Amino acid sequence: MKCVILVVSILFVLYVYSDAACWGATGNGRDCEYNGSIIARNTTYENTTGPKCYTCSCLSTGDLDCCDIGTVIIELPDTCKIIQEGCDQVAVSEVDESQPCEGPISAVEG
């Protein structure tokens, strides 16, 4: 039984962190390009306008490394809803958005 609980716990953790994504691309040795933007070598670019926020670093090799930033809610009670505030999702009461969500919430920080 302990083994089953351990396996289920590990799978849950892997599921939660699968929403936080990082990606990269092999560069041309000079600058990096992402979504039409040129990023100079050895510099970092952040897109902080939601809902898709990320940070990208152009390495000295010209390779690009990017990761999502912000909070993504993956589970919340039926009495709540999600609103977007910058890069973060926030759980609020479905009846009154000025009130926080009451109950358990699962989220991932990117």
Protein backbone atom coordinates (compact mmCIF):
# COMPACT_ATOMS: atom_id res chain seq x y z
CA MET A 1 0.00 0.00 0.00
CA LYS A 2 2.86 2.40 0.81
CA CYS A 3 4.30 1.74 -2.64
CA VAL A 4 1.01 2.63 -4.32
CA ILE A 5 0.74 5.88 -2.36
CA LEU A 6 4.33 6.77 -3.28
CA VAL A 7 3.75 6.12 -6.99
CA VAL A 8 0.51 8.12 -7.03
CA SER A 9 2.23 11.01 -5.22
CA ILE A 10 5.11 11.04 -7.71
CA LEU A 11 2.72 10.97 -10.66
CA PHE A 12 0.74 13.87 -9.19
CA VAL A 13 3.90 15.96 -8.75
CA LEU A 14 4.97 15.20 -12.32
CA TYR A 15 1.52 16.16 -13.61
CA VAL A 16 1.55 19.47 -11.75
CA TYR A 17 5.02 20.44 -12.96
CA SER A 18 4.33 19.39 -16.55
CA ASP A 19 2.45 22.68 -17.02
CA ALA A 20 5.60 24.70 -16.28
CA ALA A 21 7.48 24.50 -19.56
CA CYS A 22 10.94 25.37 -20.77
CA TRP A 23 12.18 25.10 -24.32
CA GLY A 24 15.16 26.04 -26.41
CA ALA A 25 16.46 26.34 -29.94
CA THR A 26 19.84 25.93 -31.56
CA GLY A 27 21.09 29.26 -32.80
CA ASN A 28 23.18 30.32 -35.75
CA GLY A 29 26.19 31.31 -33.62
CA ARG A 30 25.37 35.02 -33.69
CA ASP A 31 22.08 36.27 -32.24
CA CYS A 32 18.92 34.41 -31.27
CA GLU A 33 15.44 34.83 -32.73
CA TYR A 34 12.11 34.08 -31.07
CA ASN A 35 8.68 35.04 -32.46
CA GLY A 36 10.29 37.49 -34.85
CA SER A 37 12.31 39.26 -32.14
CA ILE A 38 16.10 39.31 -32.28
CA ILE A 39 17.79 38.76 -28.91
CA ALA A 40 21.48 39.64 -28.69
CA ARG A 41 23.92 37.04 -27.34
CA ASN A 42 24.40 37.07 -23.56
CA THR A 43 21.14 38.96 -22.97
CA THR A 44 17.73 38.07 -21.59
CA TYR A 45 14.30 39.09 -22.84
CA GLU A 46 11.09 38.89 -20.80
CA ASN A 47 7.56 39.02 -22.16
CA THR A 48 5.47 40.12 -19.17
CA THR A 49 2.19 40.79 -20.92
CA GLY A 50 -0.16 37.90 -20.15
CA PRO A 51 -1.57 35.48 -20.63
CA LYS A 52 1.56 33.85 -22.16
CA CYS A 53 4.55 35.20 -20.23
CA TYR A 54 8.08 33.89 -20.64
CA THR A 55 11.74 34.74 -20.27
CA CYS A 56 14.33 33.90 -22.95
CA SER A 57 18.10 34.01 -22.68
CA CYS A 58 20.39 34.05 -25.67
CA LEU A 59 23.52 32.18 -24.65
CA SER A 60 27.07 33.02 -25.76
CA THR A 61 26.80 30.14 -28.26
CA GLY A 62 23.78 31.76 -29.91
CA ASP A 63 21.47 29.07 -28.52
CA LEU A 64 18.15 30.13 -27.01
CA ASP A 65 16.76 28.98 -23.63
CA CYS A 66 13.21 30.03 -22.67
CA CYS A 67 10.85 29.27 -19.76
CA ASP A 68 7.29 30.22 -18.94
CA ILE A 69 6.84 32.64 -16.04
CA GLY A 70 3.75 33.36 -13.97
CA THR A 71 1.19 31.27 -12.13
CA VAL A 72 -1.22 28.91 -13.86
CA ILE A 73 -4.17 27.49 -11.91
CA ILE A 74 -4.85 23.88 -12.77
CA GLU A 75 -7.63 23.02 -10.31
CA LEU A 76 -10.11 24.99 -8.21
CA PRO A 77 -13.58 24.55 -6.65
CA ASP A 78 -16.73 24.93 -8.77
CA THR A 79 -17.65 28.05 -6.78
CA CYS A 80 -14.59 29.91 -8.13
CA LYS A 81 -13.33 31.24 -11.43
CA ILE A 82 -9.98 32.30 -12.86
CA ILE A 83 -9.08 35.86 -13.80
CA GLN A 84 -5.83 36.96 -15.46
CA GLU A 85 -3.68 39.58 -13.70
CA GLY A 86 -0.56 40.23 -15.76
CA CYS A 87 1.34 36.94 -16.00
CA ASP A 88 -0.58 35.30 -13.17
CA GLN A 89 -3.93 33.59 -12.97
CA VAL A 90 -5.86 34.37 -9.78
CA ALA A 91 -8.74 32.36 -8.30
CA VAL A 92 -11.67 34.48 -7.16
CA SER A 93 -15.23 33.89 -6.05
CA GLU A 94 -17.57 33.27 -8.98
CA VAL A 95 -20.24 35.41 -7.27
CA ASP A 96 -17.98 38.35 -6.28
CA GLU A 97 -14.65 38.81 -8.11
CA SER A 98 -13.41 41.13 -5.36
CA GLN A 99 -13.35 38.15 -2.96
CA PRO A 100 -10.72 35.41 -3.02
CA CYS A 101 -11.64 31.82 -3.78
CA GLU A 102 -12.53 29.76 -0.73
CA GLY A 103 -11.28 26.21 -0.93
CA PRO A 104 -8.33 24.20 -2.19
CA ILE A 105 -6.56 25.49 -5.29
CA SER A 106 -3.79 23.80 -7.27
CA ALA A 107 -1.42 26.00 -9.22
CA VAL A 108 1.92 25.87 -11.00
CA GLU A 109 4.48 28.67 -11.07
CA GLY A 110 6.33 28.83 -14.34
